[in-house]
N, C-alpha and C. Protein backbone atom coordinates (compact mmCIF):
# COMPACT_ATOMS: atom_id res chain seq x y z
N HIS A 1 -38.70 -34.87 52.83
CA HIS A 1 -37.47 -34.91 52.05
C HIS A 1 -37.41 -33.75 51.07
N LEU A 2 -36.20 -33.43 50.65
CA LEU A 2 -35.99 -32.35 49.70
C LEU A 2 -35.07 -32.86 48.59
N TYR A 3 -35.38 -32.45 47.35
CA TYR A 3 -34.62 -32.91 46.18
C TYR A 3 -34.12 -31.70 45.40
N THR A 4 -32.87 -31.78 44.94
CA THR A 4 -32.25 -30.68 44.21
C THR A 4 -31.65 -31.20 42.91
N ALA A 5 -31.92 -30.49 41.81
CA ALA A 5 -31.28 -30.80 40.53
C ALA A 5 -30.02 -29.95 40.41
N ALA A 6 -28.91 -30.58 40.01
CA ALA A 6 -27.63 -29.88 39.91
C ALA A 6 -27.13 -29.91 38.47
N PHE A 7 -27.10 -28.73 37.84
CA PHE A 7 -26.77 -28.62 36.42
C PHE A 7 -25.32 -29.02 36.13
N VAL A 8 -24.38 -28.51 36.92
CA VAL A 8 -22.96 -28.76 36.67
C VAL A 8 -22.55 -30.17 37.07
N ASP A 9 -23.06 -30.65 38.19
CA ASP A 9 -22.73 -32.00 38.65
C ASP A 9 -23.54 -33.08 37.93
N ASN A 10 -24.48 -32.67 37.07
CA ASN A 10 -25.31 -33.64 36.35
C ASN A 10 -25.95 -34.63 37.32
N ALA A 11 -26.65 -34.08 38.30
CA ALA A 11 -27.08 -34.92 39.42
C ALA A 11 -28.42 -34.49 40.01
N VAL A 12 -28.99 -35.43 40.78
CA VAL A 12 -30.12 -35.11 41.66
C VAL A 12 -29.69 -35.51 43.07
N VAL A 13 -29.89 -34.58 44.01
CA VAL A 13 -29.42 -34.75 45.38
C VAL A 13 -30.61 -34.90 46.32
N VAL A 14 -30.46 -35.80 47.30
CA VAL A 14 -31.53 -36.10 48.24
C VAL A 14 -31.13 -35.66 49.65
N PHE A 15 -32.01 -34.93 50.33
CA PHE A 15 -31.84 -34.56 51.72
C PHE A 15 -33.05 -35.03 52.53
N SER A 16 -32.84 -35.40 53.76
CA SER A 16 -33.95 -35.58 54.67
C SER A 16 -34.21 -34.24 55.34
N ARG A 17 -35.45 -34.01 55.72
CA ARG A 17 -35.84 -32.69 56.24
C ARG A 17 -36.50 -32.82 57.60
N ASN A 18 -36.04 -32.03 58.56
CA ASN A 18 -36.65 -31.98 59.88
C ASN A 18 -37.92 -31.14 59.78
N SER A 19 -39.07 -31.75 60.01
CA SER A 19 -40.34 -31.04 59.82
C SER A 19 -40.56 -29.92 60.84
N SER A 20 -39.84 -29.96 61.97
CA SER A 20 -39.99 -28.92 62.99
C SER A 20 -39.10 -27.72 62.72
N THR A 21 -37.87 -27.98 62.29
CA THR A 21 -36.91 -26.89 62.12
C THR A 21 -36.64 -26.56 60.65
N GLY A 22 -36.96 -27.48 59.75
CA GLY A 22 -36.67 -27.28 58.33
C GLY A 22 -35.24 -27.63 57.97
N ALA A 23 -34.43 -28.01 58.97
CA ALA A 23 -33.02 -28.33 58.73
C ALA A 23 -32.89 -29.58 57.86
N LEU A 24 -31.82 -29.61 57.05
CA LEU A 24 -31.60 -30.70 56.11
C LEU A 24 -30.39 -31.56 56.49
N ILE A 25 -30.49 -32.83 56.14
CA ILE A 25 -29.36 -33.76 56.29
C ILE A 25 -29.17 -34.46 54.96
N PHE A 26 -27.95 -34.43 54.43
CA PHE A 26 -27.64 -35.09 53.16
C PHE A 26 -27.88 -36.59 53.26
N VAL A 27 -28.57 -37.15 52.26
CA VAL A 27 -28.85 -38.58 52.23
C VAL A 27 -28.06 -39.28 51.13
N GLU A 28 -28.17 -38.77 49.88
CA GLU A 28 -27.48 -39.43 48.77
C GLU A 28 -27.49 -38.53 47.55
N VAL A 29 -26.70 -38.92 46.55
CA VAL A 29 -26.68 -38.24 45.26
C VAL A 29 -26.67 -39.27 44.15
N HIS A 30 -27.40 -38.96 43.08
CA HIS A 30 -27.40 -39.79 41.87
C HIS A 30 -26.83 -38.94 40.75
N LYS A 31 -25.74 -39.42 40.11
CA LYS A 31 -25.10 -38.68 39.03
C LYS A 31 -25.25 -39.41 37.71
N ASP A 32 -25.31 -38.61 36.65
CA ASP A 32 -25.43 -39.17 35.31
C ASP A 32 -24.30 -40.16 35.03
N THR A 33 -24.66 -41.31 34.49
CA THR A 33 -23.77 -42.44 34.12
C THR A 33 -23.32 -43.30 35.29
N ASP A 34 -23.56 -42.90 36.53
CA ASP A 34 -23.19 -43.73 37.67
C ASP A 34 -24.25 -44.81 37.88
N ASP A 35 -23.79 -46.05 37.97
CA ASP A 35 -24.69 -47.18 38.28
C ASP A 35 -25.89 -47.25 37.34
N GLY A 36 -25.66 -46.93 36.07
CA GLY A 36 -26.72 -47.06 35.07
C GLY A 36 -27.67 -45.89 34.99
N VAL A 37 -27.46 -44.86 35.80
CA VAL A 37 -28.32 -43.68 35.75
C VAL A 37 -28.10 -42.94 34.43
N ASP A 38 -29.19 -42.50 33.80
CA ASP A 38 -29.10 -41.81 32.52
C ASP A 38 -30.13 -40.68 32.50
N GLY A 39 -29.81 -39.62 31.75
CA GLY A 39 -30.76 -38.53 31.58
C GLY A 39 -30.60 -37.39 32.56
N LEU A 40 -29.41 -37.28 33.21
CA LEU A 40 -29.20 -36.21 34.20
C LEU A 40 -28.14 -35.21 33.76
N ASN A 41 -27.64 -35.33 32.53
CA ASN A 41 -26.61 -34.40 32.06
C ASN A 41 -27.22 -33.01 31.86
N GLY A 42 -26.77 -32.06 32.68
CA GLY A 42 -27.35 -30.71 32.64
C GLY A 42 -28.70 -30.64 33.30
N ALA A 43 -28.86 -31.30 34.44
CA ALA A 43 -30.14 -31.31 35.15
C ALA A 43 -30.56 -29.91 35.55
N THR A 44 -31.79 -29.53 35.23
CA THR A 44 -32.26 -28.17 35.48
C THR A 44 -33.50 -28.08 36.36
N SER A 45 -34.26 -29.16 36.48
CA SER A 45 -35.54 -29.09 37.19
C SER A 45 -35.87 -30.44 37.80
N VAL A 46 -36.49 -30.43 38.97
CA VAL A 46 -36.89 -31.67 39.63
C VAL A 46 -38.27 -31.50 40.26
N THR A 47 -39.08 -32.54 40.21
CA THR A 47 -40.40 -32.50 40.82
C THR A 47 -40.76 -33.86 41.38
N VAL A 48 -41.64 -33.87 42.38
CA VAL A 48 -42.11 -35.11 43.00
C VAL A 48 -43.57 -35.31 42.65
N SER A 49 -43.95 -36.54 42.31
CA SER A 49 -45.35 -36.82 41.99
C SER A 49 -46.22 -36.61 43.23
N PRO A 50 -47.49 -36.23 43.04
CA PRO A 50 -48.37 -35.97 44.19
C PRO A 50 -48.51 -37.15 45.15
N ASP A 51 -48.38 -38.38 44.64
CA ASP A 51 -48.49 -39.55 45.52
C ASP A 51 -47.18 -39.88 46.20
N GLY A 52 -46.11 -39.14 45.87
CA GLY A 52 -44.82 -39.34 46.51
C GLY A 52 -44.05 -40.55 46.04
N LYS A 53 -44.55 -41.24 45.04
CA LYS A 53 -43.91 -42.48 44.59
C LYS A 53 -42.72 -42.26 43.66
N ASN A 54 -42.72 -41.12 42.97
CA ASN A 54 -41.71 -40.91 41.94
C ASN A 54 -41.13 -39.50 41.95
N VAL A 55 -39.90 -39.40 41.43
CA VAL A 55 -39.24 -38.12 41.23
C VAL A 55 -38.85 -38.04 39.76
N TYR A 56 -39.10 -36.88 39.15
CA TYR A 56 -38.80 -36.66 37.73
C TYR A 56 -37.83 -35.49 37.60
N VAL A 57 -36.86 -35.63 36.69
CA VAL A 57 -35.84 -34.61 36.50
C VAL A 57 -35.75 -34.26 35.01
N ALA A 58 -35.78 -32.96 34.70
CA ALA A 58 -35.55 -32.50 33.34
C ALA A 58 -34.09 -32.08 33.21
N SER A 59 -33.46 -32.49 32.11
CA SER A 59 -32.04 -32.22 31.92
C SER A 59 -31.81 -31.60 30.55
N MET A 60 -31.25 -30.39 30.55
CA MET A 60 -31.14 -29.60 29.34
C MET A 60 -30.10 -30.14 28.35
N THR A 61 -28.97 -30.60 28.86
CA THR A 61 -27.90 -31.10 27.98
C THR A 61 -28.22 -32.47 27.43
N ASP A 62 -28.85 -33.31 28.25
CA ASP A 62 -29.25 -34.65 27.81
C ASP A 62 -30.54 -34.63 27.00
N HIS A 63 -31.23 -33.46 26.97
CA HIS A 63 -32.52 -33.36 26.27
C HIS A 63 -33.43 -34.49 26.75
N ALA A 64 -33.61 -34.56 28.07
CA ALA A 64 -34.25 -35.74 28.65
C ALA A 64 -35.10 -35.44 29.87
N VAL A 65 -36.01 -36.38 30.15
CA VAL A 65 -36.72 -36.44 31.43
C VAL A 65 -36.39 -37.80 32.04
N ALA A 66 -35.77 -37.78 33.21
CA ALA A 66 -35.41 -39.02 33.90
C ALA A 66 -36.42 -39.29 35.01
N MET A 67 -36.68 -40.57 35.26
CA MET A 67 -37.66 -40.96 36.28
C MET A 67 -37.03 -41.89 37.31
N PHE A 68 -37.33 -41.61 38.57
CA PHE A 68 -36.85 -42.42 39.69
C PHE A 68 -38.04 -42.88 40.53
N SER A 69 -37.95 -44.07 41.08
CA SER A 69 -38.91 -44.48 42.10
C SER A 69 -38.39 -43.98 43.44
N ARG A 70 -39.29 -43.74 44.38
CA ARG A 70 -38.92 -43.12 45.65
C ARG A 70 -39.37 -43.96 46.84
N ASN A 71 -38.46 -44.15 47.78
CA ASN A 71 -38.79 -44.80 49.05
C ASN A 71 -39.38 -43.74 49.96
N ALA A 72 -40.66 -43.87 50.29
CA ALA A 72 -41.35 -42.84 51.06
C ALA A 72 -40.79 -42.67 52.46
N TYR A 73 -40.18 -43.71 53.01
CA TYR A 73 -39.64 -43.64 54.37
C TYR A 73 -38.26 -43.00 54.39
N THR A 74 -37.37 -43.45 53.52
CA THR A 74 -35.98 -42.96 53.53
C THR A 74 -35.76 -41.79 52.57
N GLY A 75 -36.65 -41.64 51.59
CA GLY A 75 -36.48 -40.62 50.57
C GLY A 75 -35.52 -41.02 49.47
N ARG A 76 -34.88 -42.16 49.61
CA ARG A 76 -33.89 -42.60 48.62
C ARG A 76 -34.56 -42.92 47.29
N LEU A 77 -33.77 -42.75 46.23
CA LEU A 77 -34.27 -42.92 44.87
C LEU A 77 -33.63 -44.11 44.18
N THR A 78 -34.38 -44.68 43.24
CA THR A 78 -33.86 -45.74 42.36
C THR A 78 -34.17 -45.35 40.93
N PHE A 79 -33.14 -45.29 40.09
CA PHE A 79 -33.35 -44.93 38.69
C PHE A 79 -34.18 -45.99 37.98
N VAL A 80 -35.18 -45.54 37.20
CA VAL A 80 -36.06 -46.46 36.47
C VAL A 80 -35.90 -46.30 34.96
N GLU A 81 -36.02 -45.07 34.44
CA GLU A 81 -35.98 -44.87 33.00
C GLU A 81 -35.73 -43.41 32.67
N SER A 82 -35.39 -43.15 31.40
CA SER A 82 -35.30 -41.78 30.90
C SER A 82 -35.88 -41.72 29.50
N HIS A 83 -36.47 -40.59 29.18
CA HIS A 83 -37.01 -40.33 27.84
C HIS A 83 -36.20 -39.19 27.25
N LYS A 84 -35.67 -39.43 26.03
CA LYS A 84 -34.78 -38.45 25.41
C LYS A 84 -35.28 -38.00 24.05
N GLU A 85 -34.80 -36.82 23.66
CA GLU A 85 -35.04 -36.29 22.32
C GLU A 85 -34.61 -37.32 21.28
N GLY A 86 -35.40 -37.46 20.21
CA GLY A 86 -35.10 -38.44 19.17
C GLY A 86 -35.84 -39.74 19.44
N ALA A 87 -35.47 -40.79 18.70
CA ALA A 87 -36.08 -42.11 18.89
C ALA A 87 -37.60 -42.03 18.93
N GLY A 88 -38.18 -41.40 17.89
CA GLY A 88 -39.62 -41.26 17.83
C GLY A 88 -40.15 -40.00 18.49
N MET A 89 -39.25 -39.23 19.11
CA MET A 89 -39.67 -37.99 19.77
C MET A 89 -38.81 -36.82 19.28
N THR A 90 -38.53 -36.75 18.00
CA THR A 90 -37.73 -35.67 17.45
C THR A 90 -38.46 -34.34 17.58
N GLY A 91 -37.76 -33.33 18.07
CA GLY A 91 -38.36 -32.02 18.25
C GLY A 91 -39.26 -31.92 19.46
N VAL A 92 -39.14 -32.87 20.38
CA VAL A 92 -40.02 -32.91 21.55
C VAL A 92 -39.32 -32.44 22.82
N LEU A 93 -38.07 -32.89 23.05
CA LEU A 93 -37.40 -32.61 24.32
C LEU A 93 -36.05 -31.91 24.14
N GLY A 94 -35.84 -31.25 23.00
CA GLY A 94 -34.59 -30.53 22.80
C GLY A 94 -34.41 -29.44 23.83
N GLY A 95 -33.35 -29.54 24.63
CA GLY A 95 -33.13 -28.55 25.68
C GLY A 95 -34.15 -28.64 26.79
N ALA A 96 -34.56 -29.86 27.14
CA ALA A 96 -35.56 -30.05 28.21
C ALA A 96 -35.18 -29.22 29.43
N PHE A 97 -36.11 -28.39 29.89
CA PHE A 97 -35.74 -27.41 30.91
C PHE A 97 -36.50 -27.56 32.22
N ALA A 98 -37.78 -27.82 32.16
CA ALA A 98 -38.58 -27.90 33.39
C ALA A 98 -39.57 -29.06 33.29
N VAL A 99 -39.94 -29.58 34.45
CA VAL A 99 -40.88 -30.71 34.48
C VAL A 99 -41.80 -30.56 35.68
N THR A 100 -43.08 -30.93 35.48
CA THR A 100 -44.04 -30.91 36.58
C THR A 100 -45.06 -32.02 36.35
N VAL A 101 -45.81 -32.35 37.39
CA VAL A 101 -46.82 -33.41 37.34
C VAL A 101 -48.19 -32.81 37.61
N SER A 102 -49.19 -33.28 36.88
CA SER A 102 -50.56 -32.80 37.11
C SER A 102 -51.01 -33.16 38.52
N PRO A 103 -51.92 -32.38 39.11
CA PRO A 103 -52.36 -32.63 40.49
C PRO A 103 -52.94 -34.03 40.71
N ASP A 104 -53.53 -34.62 39.67
CA ASP A 104 -54.08 -35.96 39.83
C ASP A 104 -53.05 -37.05 39.55
N GLY A 105 -51.83 -36.65 39.21
CA GLY A 105 -50.76 -37.60 38.98
C GLY A 105 -50.84 -38.36 37.68
N SER A 106 -51.74 -37.97 36.79
CA SER A 106 -51.96 -38.71 35.56
C SER A 106 -51.02 -38.30 34.42
N TYR A 107 -50.54 -37.06 34.46
CA TYR A 107 -49.72 -36.56 33.36
C TYR A 107 -48.49 -35.81 33.87
N VAL A 108 -47.44 -35.88 33.05
CA VAL A 108 -46.22 -35.14 33.31
C VAL A 108 -45.99 -34.19 32.14
N TYR A 109 -45.66 -32.94 32.46
CA TYR A 109 -45.45 -31.92 31.44
C TYR A 109 -44.00 -31.44 31.51
N ALA A 110 -43.36 -31.32 30.34
CA ALA A 110 -41.98 -30.87 30.29
C ALA A 110 -41.81 -29.81 29.21
N THR A 111 -41.10 -28.74 29.54
CA THR A 111 -40.79 -27.72 28.54
C THR A 111 -39.48 -28.08 27.85
N ALA A 112 -39.37 -27.66 26.58
CA ALA A 112 -38.15 -27.92 25.81
C ALA A 112 -37.68 -26.60 25.22
N TYR A 113 -36.58 -26.09 25.74
CA TYR A 113 -36.11 -24.74 25.40
C TYR A 113 -35.70 -24.62 23.93
N THR A 114 -34.93 -25.56 23.41
CA THR A 114 -34.47 -25.46 22.02
C THR A 114 -35.49 -26.02 21.03
N SER A 115 -36.38 -26.87 21.48
CA SER A 115 -37.46 -27.36 20.61
C SER A 115 -38.64 -26.41 20.58
N ASP A 116 -38.62 -25.38 21.47
CA ASP A 116 -39.74 -24.42 21.56
C ASP A 116 -41.05 -25.19 21.73
N ALA A 117 -41.07 -26.07 22.72
CA ALA A 117 -42.19 -27.01 22.82
C ALA A 117 -42.60 -27.30 24.25
N LEU A 118 -43.82 -27.80 24.37
CA LEU A 118 -44.35 -28.35 25.61
C LEU A 118 -44.69 -29.80 25.35
N ALA A 119 -44.00 -30.71 26.05
CA ALA A 119 -44.21 -32.14 25.86
C ALA A 119 -45.14 -32.70 26.93
N VAL A 120 -46.02 -33.60 26.53
CA VAL A 120 -46.99 -34.20 27.44
C VAL A 120 -46.77 -35.71 27.48
N PHE A 121 -46.68 -36.25 28.70
CA PHE A 121 -46.53 -37.68 28.89
C PHE A 121 -47.65 -38.18 29.81
N SER A 122 -48.23 -39.32 29.46
CA SER A 122 -49.16 -39.95 30.39
C SER A 122 -48.34 -40.73 31.41
N ARG A 123 -48.85 -40.81 32.63
CA ARG A 123 -48.10 -41.45 33.72
C ARG A 123 -48.86 -42.64 34.28
N ASN A 124 -48.18 -43.77 34.39
CA ASN A 124 -48.76 -44.96 34.98
C ASN A 124 -48.79 -44.78 36.50
N ALA A 125 -49.97 -44.81 37.07
CA ALA A 125 -50.12 -44.52 38.50
C ALA A 125 -49.45 -45.58 39.38
N ASP A 126 -49.32 -46.80 38.88
CA ASP A 126 -48.72 -47.87 39.66
C ASP A 126 -47.19 -47.87 39.59
N THR A 127 -46.66 -47.66 38.39
CA THR A 127 -45.21 -47.76 38.19
C THR A 127 -44.51 -46.42 38.09
N GLY A 128 -45.27 -45.38 37.75
CA GLY A 128 -44.67 -44.06 37.54
C GLY A 128 -44.04 -43.89 36.18
N ARG A 129 -44.04 -44.93 35.37
CA ARG A 129 -43.44 -44.85 34.03
C ARG A 129 -44.24 -43.92 33.13
N LEU A 130 -43.55 -43.35 32.15
CA LEU A 130 -44.16 -42.37 31.25
C LEU A 130 -44.31 -42.92 29.84
N ALA A 131 -45.35 -42.42 29.16
CA ALA A 131 -45.57 -42.73 27.75
C ALA A 131 -45.84 -41.41 27.03
N PHE A 132 -45.12 -41.15 25.95
CA PHE A 132 -45.30 -39.92 25.21
C PHE A 132 -46.72 -39.81 24.68
N ALA A 133 -47.37 -38.65 24.92
CA ALA A 133 -48.77 -38.48 24.54
C ALA A 133 -48.98 -37.38 23.51
N GLN A 134 -48.26 -36.25 23.65
CA GLN A 134 -48.55 -35.09 22.80
C GLN A 134 -47.41 -34.09 22.89
N VAL A 135 -47.21 -33.34 21.81
CA VAL A 135 -46.29 -32.21 21.86
C VAL A 135 -46.95 -31.01 21.21
N LEU A 136 -46.81 -29.85 21.84
CA LEU A 136 -47.29 -28.59 21.28
C LEU A 136 -46.06 -27.74 21.02
N LYS A 137 -45.92 -27.26 19.76
CA LYS A 137 -44.74 -26.52 19.37
C LYS A 137 -45.09 -25.11 18.90
N ASP A 138 -44.21 -24.21 19.20
CA ASP A 138 -44.42 -22.82 18.80
C ASP A 138 -44.63 -22.71 17.30
N SER A 139 -45.66 -21.99 16.91
CA SER A 139 -46.05 -21.71 15.51
C SER A 139 -46.77 -22.86 14.83
N ASP A 140 -46.89 -24.03 15.47
CA ASP A 140 -47.66 -25.13 14.89
C ASP A 140 -49.13 -25.00 15.27
N ASP A 141 -50.01 -25.07 14.28
CA ASP A 141 -51.46 -25.05 14.52
C ASP A 141 -51.90 -23.86 15.36
N GLY A 142 -51.28 -22.73 15.13
CA GLY A 142 -51.68 -21.51 15.82
C GLY A 142 -51.11 -21.33 17.21
N VAL A 143 -50.31 -22.29 17.68
CA VAL A 143 -49.70 -22.17 19.01
C VAL A 143 -48.67 -21.04 18.99
N ASP A 144 -48.68 -20.23 20.05
CA ASP A 144 -47.75 -19.11 20.15
C ASP A 144 -47.29 -18.98 21.59
N GLY A 145 -46.09 -18.41 21.76
CA GLY A 145 -45.59 -18.14 23.11
C GLY A 145 -44.72 -19.23 23.69
N LEU A 146 -44.22 -20.16 22.85
CA LEU A 146 -43.36 -21.24 23.34
C LEU A 146 -41.92 -21.12 22.87
N ASN A 147 -41.58 -20.03 22.21
CA ASN A 147 -40.21 -19.85 21.74
C ASN A 147 -39.30 -19.62 22.95
N GLY A 148 -38.41 -20.58 23.19
CA GLY A 148 -37.57 -20.51 24.38
C GLY A 148 -38.33 -20.87 25.64
N ALA A 149 -39.16 -21.92 25.55
CA ALA A 149 -39.98 -22.34 26.70
C ALA A 149 -39.10 -22.68 27.90
N ARG A 150 -39.44 -22.12 29.05
CA ARG A 150 -38.65 -22.32 30.27
C ARG A 150 -39.41 -23.13 31.33
N GLN A 151 -40.29 -22.45 32.05
CA GLN A 151 -40.98 -23.10 33.16
C GLN A 151 -42.43 -23.43 32.81
N VAL A 152 -42.98 -24.43 33.49
CA VAL A 152 -44.36 -24.84 33.27
C VAL A 152 -45.05 -25.02 34.62
N ALA A 153 -46.32 -24.62 34.69
CA ALA A 153 -47.11 -24.78 35.90
C ALA A 153 -48.52 -25.25 35.54
N VAL A 154 -49.11 -26.02 36.43
CA VAL A 154 -50.47 -26.52 36.23
C VAL A 154 -51.37 -25.90 37.28
N SER A 155 -52.57 -25.47 36.88
CA SER A 155 -53.51 -24.93 37.86
C SER A 155 -53.90 -26.02 38.85
N PRO A 156 -54.25 -25.65 40.10
CA PRO A 156 -54.58 -26.64 41.12
C PRO A 156 -55.70 -27.61 40.73
N ASP A 157 -56.61 -27.17 39.86
CA ASP A 157 -57.69 -28.06 39.43
C ASP A 157 -57.28 -28.92 38.23
N GLY A 158 -56.06 -28.70 37.72
CA GLY A 158 -55.55 -29.50 36.61
C GLY A 158 -56.12 -29.15 35.25
N SER A 159 -56.90 -28.09 35.17
CA SER A 159 -57.60 -27.75 33.93
C SER A 159 -56.78 -26.90 32.97
N TYR A 160 -55.78 -26.20 33.51
CA TYR A 160 -54.99 -25.29 32.66
C TYR A 160 -53.50 -25.43 32.93
N ILE A 161 -52.72 -25.23 31.85
CA ILE A 161 -51.27 -25.31 31.93
C ILE A 161 -50.72 -23.98 31.44
N TYR A 162 -49.70 -23.48 32.14
CA TYR A 162 -49.09 -22.19 31.82
C TYR A 162 -47.59 -22.37 31.58
N VAL A 163 -47.08 -21.71 30.54
CA VAL A 163 -45.65 -21.81 30.21
C VAL A 163 -45.05 -20.42 30.07
N ALA A 164 -43.92 -20.21 30.76
CA ALA A 164 -43.16 -18.97 30.59
C ALA A 164 -42.05 -19.22 29.58
N SER A 165 -41.91 -18.31 28.62
CA SER A 165 -40.94 -18.47 27.54
C SER A 165 -40.06 -17.23 27.43
N SER A 166 -38.74 -17.45 27.56
CA SER A 166 -37.82 -16.32 27.66
C SER A 166 -37.49 -15.65 26.33
N VAL A 167 -37.58 -16.39 25.21
CA VAL A 167 -37.31 -15.78 23.91
C VAL A 167 -38.54 -15.05 23.39
N ASP A 168 -39.71 -15.63 23.61
CA ASP A 168 -40.96 -14.98 23.22
C ASP A 168 -41.38 -13.91 24.22
N HIS A 169 -40.70 -13.84 25.37
CA HIS A 169 -41.05 -12.86 26.42
C HIS A 169 -42.55 -12.98 26.72
N ALA A 170 -42.96 -14.20 27.05
CA ALA A 170 -44.40 -14.47 27.08
C ALA A 170 -44.82 -15.49 28.12
N VAL A 171 -46.11 -15.49 28.40
CA VAL A 171 -46.78 -16.56 29.13
C VAL A 171 -47.87 -17.11 28.24
N ALA A 172 -47.79 -18.41 27.95
CA ALA A 172 -48.77 -19.08 27.10
C ALA A 172 -49.73 -19.90 27.96
N VAL A 173 -50.98 -19.98 27.52
CA VAL A 173 -52.02 -20.67 28.27
C VAL A 173 -52.60 -21.82 27.43
N PHE A 174 -52.75 -22.99 28.07
CA PHE A 174 -53.33 -24.16 27.41
C PHE A 174 -54.43 -24.74 28.29
N SER A 175 -55.50 -25.22 27.66
CA SER A 175 -56.56 -25.89 28.40
C SER A 175 -56.41 -27.40 28.25
N ARG A 176 -56.89 -28.13 29.25
CA ARG A 176 -56.82 -29.59 29.26
C ARG A 176 -58.23 -30.15 29.14
N ASP A 177 -58.47 -30.92 28.08
CA ASP A 177 -59.78 -31.50 27.85
C ASP A 177 -60.10 -32.53 28.93
N ALA A 178 -61.25 -32.39 29.57
CA ALA A 178 -61.62 -33.27 30.68
C ALA A 178 -61.87 -34.71 30.23
N THR A 179 -62.19 -34.90 28.96
CA THR A 179 -62.48 -36.24 28.44
C THR A 179 -61.25 -36.91 27.85
N THR A 180 -60.54 -36.19 26.97
CA THR A 180 -59.40 -36.78 26.27
C THR A 180 -58.06 -36.46 26.92
N ASP A 181 -58.02 -35.46 27.81
CA ASP A 181 -56.80 -34.99 28.47
C ASP A 181 -55.84 -34.28 27.52
N ALA A 182 -56.24 -34.09 26.26
CA ALA A 182 -55.40 -33.40 25.29
C ALA A 182 -55.35 -31.91 25.62
N LEU A 183 -54.22 -31.27 25.31
CA LEU A 183 -54.07 -29.84 25.54
C LEU A 183 -54.40 -29.05 24.28
N THR A 184 -55.00 -27.88 24.49
CA THR A 184 -55.35 -26.97 23.39
C THR A 184 -54.86 -25.57 23.73
N PHE A 185 -54.21 -24.92 22.78
CA PHE A 185 -53.74 -23.55 22.99
C PHE A 185 -54.91 -22.61 23.17
N VAL A 186 -54.83 -21.75 24.18
CA VAL A 186 -55.90 -20.80 24.49
C VAL A 186 -55.51 -19.37 24.12
N GLU A 187 -54.38 -18.90 24.67
CA GLU A 187 -53.96 -17.53 24.45
C GLU A 187 -52.51 -17.34 24.87
N VAL A 188 -51.96 -16.17 24.52
CA VAL A 188 -50.62 -15.82 24.93
C VAL A 188 -50.59 -14.35 25.34
N HIS A 189 -49.80 -14.05 26.36
CA HIS A 189 -49.56 -12.67 26.77
C HIS A 189 -48.08 -12.40 26.60
N LYS A 190 -47.75 -11.40 25.76
CA LYS A 190 -46.36 -11.07 25.47
C LYS A 190 -46.01 -9.68 25.98
N ASP A 191 -44.74 -9.51 26.27
CA ASP A 191 -44.25 -8.21 26.72
C ASP A 191 -44.60 -7.12 25.71
N VAL A 192 -45.16 -6.04 26.19
CA VAL A 192 -45.58 -4.84 25.45
C VAL A 192 -46.82 -5.03 24.60
N ASP A 193 -47.35 -6.27 24.48
CA ASP A 193 -48.62 -6.46 23.75
C ASP A 193 -49.78 -6.06 24.65
N ASP A 194 -50.72 -5.28 24.11
CA ASP A 194 -51.93 -4.89 24.85
C ASP A 194 -51.60 -4.31 26.23
N ASP A 195 -50.57 -3.50 26.25
CA ASP A 195 -50.14 -2.80 27.47
C ASP A 195 -49.52 -3.72 28.52
N VAL A 196 -49.29 -5.00 28.19
CA VAL A 196 -48.58 -5.89 29.12
C VAL A 196 -47.13 -5.43 29.21
N ASP A 197 -46.58 -5.42 30.42
CA ASP A 197 -45.19 -5.00 30.60
C ASP A 197 -44.52 -5.90 31.63
N GLY A 198 -43.20 -6.04 31.51
CA GLY A 198 -42.43 -6.76 32.52
C GLY A 198 -42.18 -8.22 32.22
N LEU A 199 -42.46 -8.67 31.00
CA LEU A 199 -42.27 -10.09 30.65
C LEU A 199 -41.02 -10.33 29.81
N ASN A 200 -40.19 -9.33 29.67
CA ASN A 200 -38.96 -9.50 28.88
C ASN A 200 -38.08 -10.57 29.53
N GLY A 201 -37.83 -11.66 28.79
CA GLY A 201 -37.04 -12.77 29.33
C GLY A 201 -37.82 -13.61 30.33
N ALA A 202 -39.13 -13.71 30.16
CA ALA A 202 -39.98 -14.49 31.09
C ALA A 202 -39.36 -15.87 31.34
N PHE A 203 -39.19 -16.21 32.60
CA PHE A 203 -38.42 -17.40 32.95
C PHE A 203 -39.18 -18.40 33.80
N SER A 204 -40.04 -17.91 34.68
CA SER A 204 -40.71 -18.79 35.65
C SER A 204 -42.17 -18.42 35.79
N VAL A 205 -42.99 -19.40 36.16
CA VAL A 205 -44.42 -19.17 36.31
C VAL A 205 -44.97 -20.09 37.40
N THR A 206 -45.93 -19.58 38.16
CA THR A 206 -46.60 -20.40 39.18
C THR A 206 -48.04 -19.92 39.34
N VAL A 207 -48.87 -20.74 39.94
CA VAL A 207 -50.29 -20.43 40.11
C VAL A 207 -50.61 -20.39 41.59
N SER A 208 -51.44 -19.42 42.00
CA SER A 208 -51.84 -19.34 43.40
C SER A 208 -52.67 -20.56 43.78
N PRO A 209 -52.67 -20.96 45.06
CA PRO A 209 -53.40 -22.16 45.50
C PRO A 209 -54.90 -22.14 45.20
N ASP A 210 -55.48 -20.93 45.11
CA ASP A 210 -56.91 -20.83 44.86
C ASP A 210 -57.21 -20.69 43.37
């Protein structure tokens, strides 16, 4: 199956995928406010948990991460919950832009463009529900490189998290403690710093499989 986040339609779209040809067939769409769905206004990013049980969507206008349960056979989704800026999470999900899941399925990471932040949620392996765990914000406790945080990626071993930030023109690096799972700022690479070039408006980041 294939999932698409639609910013203007405030939606997540589901397609079935032919594994031989790659061709897609439309299955369904979930739109913000339809049938109790919430947290899809200005949807910008979508990801599937490694176990295939859940789909998570980051939405910039709603300042939210929405969670759906997934039928592994049909690919269809059922809305479960959304986490939004405020209500105990002030300055955490403002302008939520991207979302990803750790390789072990234990944590969900979301960038917040206007909060200049990286939000961390623990994930229930059985239900897929999220619980707010930590937020790292630009300029707090020495953290740098999160101003205008856009995309986030996790290394295949789950030990490091990388964030591309378009206002800081940077890639920030965080380590994940193997015991506590807490994130710690490691370093930042900015455009023109130490001969680094080409990061002006850094928008996306990914890690090679190895």
